[in-house]
Amino acid sequence: MNVDCIFEWNDFSFSPTNTFCKFFAKIKEQRPDITFNFVDAVKLRVQAEQAGLYLGPNCKFGPMYMMVACRETNKFFLISYWDTIKDIFECPSCGFSLSLMQELITSLGVVVDDIRFKPIPYLKYTPFSYVPAKPEIEDSIEVLYNQNLPKTTPDKPRFRNFPNDPFRQYIMKDERFDGIDKRDNMLMPAEYMAELNSHKINISINGHAEVCFRDMEILGLGNVLLRTKFVGKFHNELIPNHHYVAIDVDDYEDHKTIADKIINKYNEIKNDTALLDFIGKNGREWYLKNGTAEANADILVKLLDFDKLK
């Protein structure tokens, strides 16, 4: 079998593409019976753009995707870190031949929108995992974790963010939270990670894709991730109230109730040292097996059944 791996080779500044690079090296070594070819998505993207066929990162050859395609049959797997995977089904301009897609592998963007966070009813996907934003942040996580610095639980949980959705805007005005608009007070990655590390409990508000880089960064630091219960699935389950502290939500548009639940849970657990240590330890262990670019690449190697491409 002759298989093309179509992705952007970027192993130094972005963890999703770093995952693809690591996967390519691993799969070539572990499957010598298959010929694997690297195909540069950047070159294909430029060609598509010149032809008016590439309209943005949700399109074929975008940096958040890797296509693993059999040359003989044109059948392919799509591995995605894209925020809204419904785009490939609902926007023909994305350019994917969906009849040839044998499997969609993702954990991101599997909700209808970032207001209601309901599962996409027609979507069938194989759960994957996620990563921190950059390799340098992965490195920073390990340095900070091994330094074992003292951590506090302030009266108001801090959330540094870009308030680009209604709930984040609500949190910014709620005086029970220490909400910081990062556009007015931007930190460099090392400063941001040091700040995140300094608090034993970190809240995380859903990103556009539901899961966000911040979730993985908190888990990696061994801190307690406090957030709404995940709708999307992961290859290895991220268990509520074992790996992270979860808030159940019935209506994501009821901002006051969600904020009340978050702050009440924060106040309930902030002095429970045994619980915080338990959750932080479990979250850290999950991260090491599931949250790094290396771990994501290992999971991907296990997931792909190349017989499906024949």
C-alpha atoms as a PDB file:
ATOM      1  CA  MET A   1       0.000   0.000   0.000  1.00  0.00           C
ATOM      2  CA  ASN A   2       1.172   3.510  -0.873  1.00  0.00           C
ATOM      3  CA  VAL A   3      -0.099   6.124   1.610  1.00  0.00           C
ATOM      4  CA  ASP A   4       0.201   9.910   1.477  1.00  0.00           C
ATOM      5  CA  CYS A   5       0.298  11.861   4.748  1.00  0.00           C
ATOM      6  CA  ILE A   6      -0.786  15.380   3.807  1.00  0.00           C
ATOM      7  CA  PHE A   7      -0.052  17.970   6.491  1.00  0.00           C
ATOM      8  CA  GLU A   8       1.921  21.092   7.327  1.00  0.00           C
ATOM      9  CA  TRP A   9       5.410  20.252   8.551  1.00  0.00           C
ATOM     10  CA  ASN A  10       5.743  22.487  11.579  1.00  0.00           C
ATOM     11  CA  ASP A  11       7.323  20.774  14.550  1.00  0.00           C
ATOM     12  CA  PHE A  12       8.577  23.790  16.494  1.00  0.00           C
ATOM     13  CA  SER A  13       5.867  26.451  16.907  1.00  0.00           C
ATOM     14  CA  PHE A  14       2.468  24.701  16.991  1.00  0.00           C
ATOM     15  CA  SER A  15       1.615  21.522  18.880  1.00  0.00           C
ATOM     16  CA  PRO A  16      -1.122  20.179  16.531  1.00  0.00           C
ATOM     17  CA  THR A  17       1.249  20.186  13.555  1.00  0.00           C
ATOM     18  CA  ASN A  18       4.038  18.904  15.804  1.00  0.00           C
ATOM     19  CA  THR A  19       1.760  15.934  16.520  1.00  0.00           C
ATOM     20  CA  PHE A  20       1.481  15.233  12.790  1.00  0.00           C
ATOM     21  CA  CYS A  21       5.267  15.340  12.413  1.00  0.00           C
ATOM     22  CA  LYS A  22       5.739  12.920  15.292  1.00  0.00           C
ATOM     23  CA  PHE A  23       3.050  10.610  13.939  1.00  0.00           C
ATOM     24  CA  PHE A  24       4.714  10.472  10.529  1.00  0.00           C
ATOM     25  CA  ALA A  25       8.059   9.440  12.047  1.00  0.00           C
ATOM     26  CA  LYS A  26       6.419   6.807  14.252  1.00  0.00           C
ATOM     27  CA  ILE A  27       4.188   5.251  11.602  1.00  0.00           C
ATOM     28  CA  LYS A  28       7.044   4.915   9.099  1.00  0.00           C
ATOM     29  CA  GLU A  29       9.037   3.001  11.708  1.00  0.00           C
ATOM     30  CA  GLN A  30       6.183   0.843  12.988  1.00  0.00           C
ATOM     31  CA  ARG A  31       4.606  -0.058   9.633  1.00  0.00           C
ATOM     32  CA  PRO A  32       7.484  -0.946   7.236  1.00  0.00           C
ATOM     33  CA  ASP A  33       4.978  -2.943   5.173  1.00  0.00           C
ATOM     34  CA  ILE A  34       3.407   0.334   3.967  1.00  0.00           C
ATOM     35  CA  THR A  35       5.089   3.065   1.942  1.00  0.00           C
ATOM     36  CA  PHE A  36       4.373   6.428   3.585  1.00  0.00           C
ATOM     37  CA  ASN A  37       4.938   9.675   1.702  1.00  0.00           C
ATOM     38  CA  PHE A  38       4.989  13.162   3.206  1.00  0.00           C
ATOM     39  CA  VAL A  39       2.968  15.583   1.088  1.00  0.00           C
ATOM     40  CA  ASP A  40       3.368  19.262   1.938  1.00  0.00           C
ATOM     41  CA  ALA A  41      -0.060  20.750   2.667  1.00  0.00           C
ATOM     42  CA  VAL A  42       1.391  24.260   2.501  1.00  0.00           C
ATOM     43  CA  LYS A  43       2.294  23.868  -1.176  1.00  0.00           C
ATOM     44  CA  LEU A  44      -1.106  22.383  -1.952  1.00  0.00           C
ATOM     45  CA  ARG A  45      -2.774  25.162   0.027  1.00  0.00           C
ATOM     46  CA  VAL A  46      -1.000  27.856  -1.991  1.00  0.00           C
ATOM     47  CA  GLN A  47      -2.002  26.148  -5.252  1.00  0.00           C
ATOM     48  CA  ALA A  48      -5.611  25.876  -4.082  1.00  0.00           C
ATOM     49  CA  GLU A  49      -5.606  29.500  -2.969  1.00  0.00           C
ATOM     50  CA  GLN A  50      -4.323  30.649  -6.355  1.00  0.00           C
ATOM     51  CA  ALA A  51      -7.152  28.694  -7.970  1.00  0.00           C
ATOM     52  CA  GLY A  52      -9.703  30.277  -5.625  1.00  0.00           C
ATOM     53  CA  LEU A  53     -10.346  26.962  -3.865  1.00  0.00           C
ATOM     54  CA  TYR A  54      -8.807  27.699  -0.458  1.00  0.00           C
ATOM     55  CA  LEU A  55     -10.938  30.139   1.524  1.00  0.00           C
ATOM     56  CA  GLY A  56      -9.659  29.620   5.058  1.00  0.00           C
ATOM     57  CA  PRO A  57      -8.319  27.126   7.617  1.00  0.00           C
ATOM     58  CA  ASN A  58     -11.491  25.024   7.572  1.00  0.00           C
ATOM     59  CA  CYS A  59     -10.726  24.073   3.972  1.00  0.00           C
ATOM     60  CA  LYS A  60      -8.830  21.080   2.648  1.00  0.00           C
ATOM     61  CA  PHE A  61      -5.063  21.443   3.260  1.00  0.00           C
ATOM     62  CA  GLY A  62      -5.656  23.730   6.260  1.00  0.00           C
ATOM     63  CA  PRO A  63      -3.058  23.599   9.074  1.00  0.00           C
ATOM     64  CA  MET A  64      -5.448  21.947  11.532  1.00  0.00           C
ATOM     65  CA  TYR A  65      -5.869  18.827   9.415  1.00  0.00           C
ATOM     66  CA  MET A  66      -3.867  15.806   8.382  1.00  0.00           C
ATOM     67  CA  MET A  67      -5.177  13.591   5.585  1.00  0.00           C
ATOM     68  CA  VAL A  68      -3.878  10.032   5.440  1.00  0.00           C
ATOM     69  CA  ALA A  69      -4.793   8.816   1.957  1.00  0.00           C
ATOM     70  CA  CYS A  70      -4.229   5.643  -0.047  1.00  0.00           C
ATOM     71  CA  ARG A  71      -2.872   6.441  -3.518  1.00  0.00           C
ATOM     72  CA  GLU A  72      -4.447   3.357  -5.063  1.00  0.00           C
ATOM     73  CA  THR A  73      -8.027   3.930  -3.834  1.00  0.00           C
ATOM     74  CA  ASN A  74      -8.079   7.652  -2.864  1.00  0.00           C
ATOM     75  CA  LYS A  75      -9.769   6.634   0.389  1.00  0.00           C
ATOM     76  CA  PHE A  76      -8.574   8.666   3.355  1.00  0.00           C
ATOM     77  CA  PHE A  77      -8.652   9.281   7.087  1.00  0.00           C
ATOM     78  CA  LEU A  78      -9.060  12.854   8.296  1.00  0.00           C
ATOM     79  CA  ILE A  79      -7.375  13.788  11.564  1.00  0.00           C
ATOM     80  CA  SER A  80      -8.654  17.151  12.735  1.00  0.00           C
ATOM     81  CA  TYR A  81      -7.852  19.789  15.327  1.00  0.00           C
ATOM     82  CA  TRP A  82     -10.298  22.212  13.664  1.00  0.00           C
ATOM     83  CA  ASP A  83     -12.656  24.182  15.910  1.00  0.00           C
ATOM     84  CA  THR A  84     -15.905  23.470  14.047  1.00  0.00           C
ATOM     85  CA  ILE A  85     -15.778  20.144  12.249  1.00  0.00           C
ATOM     86  CA  LYS A  86     -19.342  20.548  10.947  1.00  0.00           C
ATOM     87  CA  ASP A  87     -17.828  22.930   8.375  1.00  0.00           C
ATOM     88  CA  ILE A  88     -16.567  20.050   6.254  1.00  0.00           C
ATOM     89  CA  PHE A  89     -20.103  18.638   6.022  1.00  0.00           C
ATOM     90  CA  GLU A  90     -22.063  21.870   5.656  1.00  0.00           C
ATOM     91  CA  CYS A  91     -19.701  24.013   3.555  1.00  0.00           C
ATOM     92  CA  PRO A  92     -18.957  22.468   0.140  1.00  0.00           C
ATOM     93  CA  SER A  93     -16.190  25.042  -0.318  1.00  0.00           C
ATOM     94  CA  CYS A  94     -14.109  23.121   2.244  1.00  0.00           C
ATOM     95  CA  GLY A  95     -13.283  20.796  -0.648  1.00  0.00           C
ATOM     96  CA  PHE A  96     -13.293  17.332   0.951  1.00  0.00           C
ATOM     97  CA  SER A  97     -14.560  14.303  -0.994  1.00  0.00           C
ATOM     98  CA  LEU A  98     -16.583  13.011   1.924  1.00  0.00           C
ATOM     99  CA  SER A  99     -17.647   9.831   0.155  1.00  0.00           C
ATOM    100  CA  LEU A 100     -13.995   8.750   0.264  1.00  0.00           C
ATOM    101  CA  MET A 101     -13.468   9.623   3.938  1.00  0.00           C
ATOM    102  CA  GLN A 102     -13.312   6.340   5.843  1.00  0.00           C
ATOM    103  CA  GLU A 103     -12.919   7.816   9.326  1.00  0.00           C
ATOM    104  CA  LEU A 104     -12.976  11.209  11.026  1.00  0.00           C
ATOM    105  CA  ILE A 105     -10.688  11.417  14.058  1.00  0.00           C
ATOM    106  CA  THR A 106     -11.236  14.407  16.322  1.00  0.00           C
ATOM    107  CA  SER A 107     -12.268  15.573  19.781  1.00  0.00           C
ATOM    108  CA  LEU A 108     -12.791  19.207  18.797  1.00  0.00           C
ATOM    109  CA  GLY A 109     -15.688  21.139  17.422  1.00  0.00           C
ATOM    110  CA  VAL A 110     -18.162  18.287  17.800  1.00  0.00           C
ATOM    111  CA  VAL A 111     -20.902  20.620  19.026  1.00  0.00           C
ATOM    112  CA  VAL A 112     -23.472  22.544  17.007  1.00  0.00           C
ATOM    113  CA  ASP A 113     -22.175  25.953  18.101  1.00  0.00           C
ATOM    114  CA  ASP A 114     -20.295  27.714  20.894  1.00  0.00           C
ATOM    115  CA  ILE A 115     -23.441  29.192  22.445  1.00  0.00           C
ATOM    116  CA  ARG A 116     -25.518  26.089  23.239  1.00  0.00           C
ATOM    117  CA  PHE A 117     -22.846  23.326  23.099  1.00  0.00           C
ATOM    118  CA  LYS A 118     -25.204  20.607  21.908  1.00  0.00           C
ATOM    119  CA  PRO A 119     -23.759  17.532  20.132  1.00  0.00           C
ATOM    120  CA  ILE A 120     -24.013  17.538  16.340  1.00  0.00           C
ATOM    121  CA  PRO A 121     -26.770  14.953  15.803  1.00  0.00           C
ATOM    122  CA  TYR A 122     -25.450  13.469  12.564  1.00  0.00           C
ATOM    123  CA  LEU A 123     -21.774  13.374  13.460  1.00  0.00           C
ATOM    124  CA  LYS A 124     -19.905  10.090  13.674  1.00  0.00           C
ATOM    125  CA  TYR A 125     -16.319  10.501  14.794  1.00  0.00           C
ATOM    126  CA  THR A 126     -13.543   8.561  16.446  1.00  0.00           C
ATOM    127  CA  PRO A 127     -12.517  10.368  19.649  1.00  0.00           C
ATOM    128  CA  PHE A 128      -8.938  11.640  19.667  1.00  0.00           C
ATOM    129  CA  SER A 129      -7.225  13.977  22.148  1.00  0.00           C
ATOM    130  CA  TYR A 130      -5.761  17.485  22.414  1.00  0.00           C
ATOM    131  CA  VAL A 131      -2.565  19.383  23.241  1.00  0.00           C
ATOM    132  CA  PRO A 132      -1.235  22.644  24.717  1.00  0.00           C
ATOM    133  CA  ALA A 133      -0.775  25.430  22.195  1.00  0.00           C
ATOM    134  CA  LYS A 134       2.957  25.189  21.512  1.00  0.00           C
ATOM    135  CA  PRO A 135       5.928  22.880  22.085  1.00  0.00           C
ATOM    136  CA  GLU A 136       7.547  25.617  24.177  1.00  0.00           C
ATOM    137  CA  ILE A 137       4.502  25.559  26.461  1.00  0.00           C
ATOM    138  CA  GLU A 138       4.786  21.777  26.780  1.00  0.00           C
ATOM    139  CA  ASP A 139       8.410  22.346  27.855  1.00  0.00           C
ATOM    140  CA  SER A 140       7.346  25.080  30.272  1.00  0.00           C
ATOM    141  CA  ILE A 141       4.773  22.764  31.843  1.00  0.00           C
ATOM    142  CA  GLU A 142       7.469  20.232  32.704  1.00  0.00           C
ATOM    143  CA  VAL A 143       9.843  22.851  34.092  1.00  0.00           C
ATOM    144  CA  LEU A 144       7.166  24.404  36.300  1.00  0.00           C
ATOM    145  CA  TYR A 145       5.810  21.055  37.462  1.00  0.00           C
ATOM    146  CA  ASN A 146       9.261  19.832  38.499  1.00  0.00           C
ATOM    147  CA  GLN A 147      10.022  23.065  40.354  1.00  0.00           C
ATOM    148  CA  ASN A 148       7.176  22.246  42.754  1.00  0.00           C
ATOM    149  CA  LEU A 149       6.525  25.923  43.463  1.00  0.00           C
ATOM    150  CA  PRO A 150       3.988  27.009  46.119  1.00  0.00           C
ATOM    151  CA  LYS A 151       0.437  27.577  44.839  1.00  0.00           C
ATOM    152  CA  THR A 152      -2.424  29.609  46.233  1.00  0.00           C
ATOM    153  CA  THR A 153      -6.220  29.485  46.077  1.00  0.00           C
ATOM    154  CA  PRO A 154      -7.247  33.151  45.883  1.00  0.00           C
ATOM    155  CA  ASP A 155     -10.690  34.313  46.953  1.00  0.00           C
ATOM    156  CA  LYS A 156     -11.560  35.066  43.324  1.00  0.00           C
ATOM    157  CA  PRO A 157     -10.630  32.543  40.625  1.00  0.00           C
ATOM    158  CA  ARG A 158      -8.691  34.209  37.834  1.00  0.00           C
ATOM    159  CA  PHE A 159      -9.593  33.786  34.184  1.00  0.00           C
ATOM    160  CA  ARG A 160      -7.394  35.539  31.637  1.00  0.00           C
ATOM    161  CA  ASN A 161      -9.151  35.396  28.289  1.00  0.00           C
ATOM    162  CA  PHE A 162     -10.339  36.963  25.078  1.00  0.00           C
ATOM    163  CA  PRO A 163     -14.056  37.616  25.807  1.00  0.00           C
ATOM    164  CA  ASN A 164     -15.384  36.714  22.381  1.00  0.00           C
ATOM    165  CA  ASP A 165     -18.596  34.958  23.420  1.00  0.00           C
ATOM    166  CA  PRO A 166     -21.540  35.886  25.669  1.00  0.00           C
ATOM    167  CA  PHE A 167     -20.585  33.738  28.658  1.00  0.00           C
ATOM    168  CA  ARG A 168     -17.002  35.010  28.782  1.00  0.00           C
ATOM    169  CA  GLN A 169     -18.392  38.541  28.600  1.00  0.00           C
ATOM    170  CA  TYR A 170     -20.693  37.704  31.501  1.00  0.00           C
ATOM    171  CA  ILE A 171     -17.805  36.344  33.577  1.00  0.00           C
ATOM    172  CA  MET A 172     -15.805  39.535  32.940  1.00  0.00           C
ATOM    173  CA  LYS A 173     -18.583  41.563  34.589  1.00  0.00           C
ATOM    174  CA  ASP A 174     -19.178  39.162  37.480  1.00  0.00           C
ATOM    175  CA  GLU A 175     -17.252  40.555  40.472  1.00  0.00           C
ATOM    176  CA  ARG A 176     -16.922  37.101  41.995  1.00  0.00           C
ATOM    177  CA  PHE A 177     -14.333  36.293  39.309  1.00  0.00           C
ATOM    178  CA  ASP A 178     -10.972  37.879  38.578  1.00  0.00           C
ATOM    179  CA  GLY A 179     -11.594  38.232  34.848  1.00  0.00           C
ATOM    180  CA  ILE A 180      -8.797  39.753  32.770  1.00  0.00           C
ATOM    181  CA  ASP A 181      -9.150  40.735  29.120  1.00  0.00           C
ATOM    182  CA  LYS A 182      -5.869  39.603  27.603  1.00  0.00           C
ATOM    183  CA  ARG A 183      -6.139  42.246  24.877  1.00  0.00           C
ATOM    184  CA  ASP A 184      -5.486  44.869  27.542  1.00  0.00           C
ATOM    185  CA  ASN A 185      -2.903  42.895  29.504  1.00  0.00           C
ATOM    186  CA  MET A 186      -1.129  40.418  27.232  1.00  0.00           C
ATOM    187  CA  LEU A 187       1.428  38.064  28.761  1.00  0.00           C
ATOM    188  CA  MET A 188       4.214  36.237  27.007  1.00  0.00           C
ATOM    189  CA  PRO A 189       3.836  32.423  27.087  1.00  0.00           C
ATOM    190  CA  ALA A 190       6.307  31.944  29.955  1.00  0.00           C
ATOM    191  CA  GLU A 191       4.590  34.642  32.029  1.00  0.00           C
ATOM    192  CA  TYR A 192       1.154  33.216  31.307  1.00  0.00           C
ATOM    193  CA  MET A 193       2.208  29.715  32.303  1.00  0.00           C
ATOM    194  CA  ALA A 194       3.823  30.983  35.515  1.00  0.00           C
ATOM    195  CA  GLU A 195       0.581  32.770  36.395  1.00  0.00           C
ATOM    196  CA  LEU A 196      -1.517  29.701  35.621  1.00  0.00           C
ATOM    197  CA  ASN A 197       0.823  27.550  37.695  1.00  0.00           C
ATOM    198  CA  SER A 198       0.595  29.843  40.716  1.00  0.00           C
ATOM    199  CA  HIS A 199      -3.048  28.939  41.446  1.00  0.00           C
ATOM    200  CA  LYS A 200      -3.956  25.446  42.605  1.00  0.00           C
ATOM    201  CA  ILE A 201      -7.408  25.634  40.970  1.00  0.00           C
ATOM    202  CA  ASN A 202      -7.821  27.022  37.443  1.00  0.00           C
ATOM    203  CA  ILE A 203     -11.187  27.600  35.866  1.00  0.00           C
ATOM    204  CA  SER A 204     -11.561  27.053  32.145  1.00  0.00           C
ATOM    205  CA  ILE A 205     -14.430  28.403  30.081  1.00  0.00           C
ATOM    206  CA  ASN A 206     -15.390  26.570  26.896  1.00  0.00           C
ATOM    207  CA  GLY A 207     -13.426  27.605  23.844  1.00  0.00           C
ATOM    208  CA  HIS A 208     -14.850  27.846  20.332  1.00  0.00           C
ATOM    209  CA  ALA A 209     -14.191  24.107  19.943  1.00  0.00           C
ATOM    210  CA  GLU A 210     -15.378  23.386  23.508  1.00  0.00           C
ATOM    211  CA  VAL A 211     -12.011  21.959  24.594  1.00  0.00           C
ATOM    212  CA  CYS A 212      -9.179  24.487  24.446  1.00  0.00           C
ATOM    213  CA  PHE A 213      -5.406  24.609  24.927  1.00  0.00           C
ATOM    214  CA  ARG A 214      -5.903  25.947  28.451  1.00  0.00           C
ATOM    215  CA  ASP A 215      -7.568  22.684  29.542  1.00  0.00           C
ATOM    216  CA  MET A 216      -4.477  20.661  28.626  1.00  0.00           C
ATOM    217  CA  GLU A 217      -2.120  23.207  30.157  1.00  0.00           C
ATOM    218  CA  ILE A 218      -3.943  23.089  33.492  1.00  0.00           C
ATOM    219  CA  LEU A 219      -3.938  19.285  33.552  1.00  0.00           C
ATOM    220  CA  GLY A 220      -0.251  19.197  32.683  1.00  0.00           C
ATOM    221  CA  LEU A 221       0.663  21.494  35.561  1.00  0.00           C
ATOM    222  CA  GLY A 222      -1.021  19.141  38.020  1.00  0.00           C
ATOM    223  CA  ASN A 223      -3.511  21.842  38.939  1.00  0.00           C
ATOM    224  CA  VAL A 224      -7.231  21.272  39.393  1.00  0.00           C
ATOM    225  CA  LEU A 225      -9.185  21.943  36.212  1.00  0.00           C
ATOM    226  CA  LEU A 226     -12.622  23.331  37.109  1.00  0.00           C
ATOM    227  CA  ARG A 227     -15.014  23.622  34.177  1.00  0.00           C
ATOM    228  CA  THR A 228     -18.320  22.554  32.692  1.00  0.00           C
ATOM    229  CA  LYS A 229     -18.604  18.849  31.935  1.00  0.00           C
ATOM    230  CA  PHE A 230     -17.245  17.987  28.499  1.00  0.00           C
ATOM    231  CA  VAL A 231     -19.740  17.176  25.755  1.00  0.00           C
ATOM    232  CA  GLY A 232     -17.046  15.889  23.377  1.00  0.00           C
ATOM    233  CA  LYS A 233     -15.310  12.576  23.975  1.00  0.00           C
ATOM    234  CA  PHE A 234     -11.631  11.654  24.189  1.00  0.00           C
ATOM    235  CA  HIS A 235      -9.912   8.418  23.167  1.00  0.00           C
ATOM    236  CA  ASN A 236      -9.076   7.765  26.817  1.00  0.00           C
ATOM    237  CA  GLU A 237     -11.921   9.119  28.909  1.00  0.00           C
ATOM    238  CA  LEU A 238     -11.356  12.300  30.868  1.00  0.00           C
ATOM    239  CA  ILE A 239     -13.425  11.350  33.891  1.00  0.00           C
ATOM    240  CA  PRO A 240     -15.437  14.071  35.664  1.00  0.00           C
ATOM    241  CA  ASN A 241     -14.545  14.513  39.338  1.00  0.00           C
ATOM    242  CA  HIS A 242     -11.575  12.186  38.927  1.00  0.00           C
ATOM    243  CA  HIS A 243      -9.366  13.915  36.365  1.00  0.00           C
ATOM    244  CA  TYR A 244     -11.109  17.300  36.614  1.00  0.00           C
ATOM    245  CA  VAL A 245     -13.904  18.918  38.612  1.00  0.00           C
ATOM    246  CA  ALA A 246     -17.006  19.083  36.448  1.00  0.00           C
ATOM    247  CA  ILE A 247     -20.048  21.346  36.538  1.00  0.00           C
ATOM    248  CA  ASP A 248     -23.247  19.902  35.066  1.00  0.00           C
ATOM    249  CA  VAL A 249     -25.047  22.295  32.744  1.00  0.00           C
ATOM    250  CA  ASP A 250     -28.594  22.036  31.439  1.00  0.00           C
ATOM    251  CA  ASP A 251     -28.701  25.333  29.564  1.00  0.00           C
ATOM    252  CA  TYR A 252     -25.480  26.994  28.363  1.00  0.00           C
ATOM    253  CA  GLU A 253     -27.385  30.210  27.708  1.00  0.00           C
ATOM    254  CA  ASP A 254     -28.294  30.502  31.407  1.00  0.00           C
ATOM    255  CA  HIS A 255     -25.102  32.352  32.252  1.00  0.00           C
ATOM    256  CA  LYS A 256     -25.984  33.254  35.819  1.00  0.00           C
ATOM    257  CA  THR A 257     -26.698  29.657  36.810  1.00  0.00           C
ATOM    258  CA  ILE A 258     -23.422  28.447  35.271  1.00  0.00           C
ATOM    259  CA  ALA A 259     -21.449  31.210  36.984  1.00  0.00           C
ATOM    260  CA  ASP A 260     -23.170  30.423  40.296  1.00  0.00           C
ATOM    261  CA  LYS A 261     -22.297  26.729  39.955  1.00  0.00           C
ATOM    262  CA  ILE A 262     -18.658  27.461  39.126  1.00  0.00           C
ATOM    263  CA  ILE A 263     -18.096  29.881  41.994  1.00  0.00           C
ATOM    264  CA  ASN A 264     -19.995  27.681  44.454  1.00  0.00           C
ATOM    265  CA  LYS A 265     -17.933  24.646  43.495  1.00  0.00           C
ATOM    266  CA  TYR A 266     -14.737  26.701  43.706  1.00  0.00           C
ATOM    267  CA  ASN A 267     -15.580  27.833  47.223  1.00  0.00           C
ATOM    268  CA  GLU A 268     -16.615  24.300  48.194  1.00  0.00           C
ATOM    269  CA  ILE A 269     -13.307  22.679  47.188  1.00  0.00           C
ATOM    270  CA  LYS A 270     -10.691  25.411  47.584  1.00  0.00           C
ATOM    271  CA  ASN A 271      -9.693  24.369  51.122  1.00  0.00           C
ATOM    272  CA  ASP A 272     -10.040  20.602  50.592  1.00  0.00           C
ATOM    273  CA  THR A 273      -6.351  19.779  50.262  1.00  0.00           C
ATOM    274  CA  ALA A 274      -6.867  16.040  49.937  1.00  0.00           C
ATOM    275  CA  LEU A 275      -9.375  16.447  47.105  1.00  0.00           C
ATOM    276  CA  LEU A 276      -7.239  19.013  45.273  1.00  0.00           C
ATOM    277  CA  ASP A 277      -4.199  16.751  45.471  1.00  0.00           C
ATOM    278  CA  PHE A 278      -6.245  13.764  44.263  1.00  0.00           C
ATOM    279  CA  ILE A 279      -7.732  15.581  41.252  1.00  0.00           C
ATOM    280  CA  GLY A 280      -4.459  17.309  40.368  1.00  0.00           C
ATOM    281  CA  LYS A 281      -2.485  14.058  40.462  1.00  0.00           C
ATOM    282  CA  ASN A 282      -5.040  12.208  38.333  1.00  0.00           C
ATOM    283  CA  GLY A 283      -5.268  15.052  35.830  1.00  0.00           C
ATOM    284  CA  ARG A 284      -1.491  15.178  35.492  1.00  0.00           C
ATOM    285  CA  GLU A 285      -1.339  11.424  34.843  1.00  0.00           C
ATOM    286  CA  TRP A 286      -4.040  11.721  32.167  1.00  0.00           C
ATOM    287  CA  TYR A 287      -2.141  14.569  30.516  1.00  0.00           C
ATOM    288  CA  LEU A 288       1.093  12.597  30.289  1.00  0.00           C
ATOM    289  CA  LYS A 289      -0.712   9.745  28.500  1.00  0.00           C
ATOM    290  CA  ASN A 290      -3.046  11.879  26.401  1.00  0.00           C
ATOM    291  CA  GLY A 291      -2.213  15.589  26.367  1.00  0.00           C
ATOM    292  CA  THR A 292       1.246  15.995  24.852  1.00  0.00           C
ATOM    293  CA  ALA A 293       2.083  16.013  21.136  1.00  0.00           C
ATOM    294  CA  GLU A 294       4.021  12.781  21.714  1.00  0.00           C
ATOM    295  CA  ALA A 295       1.028  11.147  23.404  1.00  0.00           C
ATOM    296  CA  ASN A 296      -1.338  12.356  20.672  1.00  0.00           C
ATOM    297  CA  ALA A 297       0.932  10.836  18.028  1.00  0.00           C
ATOM    298  CA  ASP A 298       1.052   7.523  19.928  1.00  0.00           C
ATOM    299  CA  ILE A 299      -2.748   7.429  20.176  1.00  0.00           C
ATOM    300  CA  LEU A 300      -3.065   8.152  16.481  1.00  0.00           C
ATOM    301  CA  VAL A 301      -0.717   5.305  15.547  1.00  0.00           C
ATOM    302  CA  LYS A 302      -2.951   2.927  17.528  1.00  0.00           C
ATOM    303  CA  LEU A 303      -6.199   4.273  16.078  1.00  0.00           C
ATOM    304  CA  LEU A 304      -5.533   3.958  12.340  1.00  0.00           C
ATOM    305  CA  ASP A 305      -6.630   0.713  10.697  1.00  0.00           C
ATOM    306  CA  PHE A 306      -5.094   0.898   7.250  1.00  0.00           C
ATOM    307  CA  ASP A 307      -7.201  -1.990   5.971  1.00  0.00           C
ATOM    308  CA  LYS A 308     -10.041   0.532   5.794  1.00  0.00           C
ATOM    309  CA  LEU A 309      -8.199   2.335   3.000  1.00  0.00           C
ATOM    310  CA  LYS A 310      -7.985  -0.678   0.710  1.00  0.00           C
END
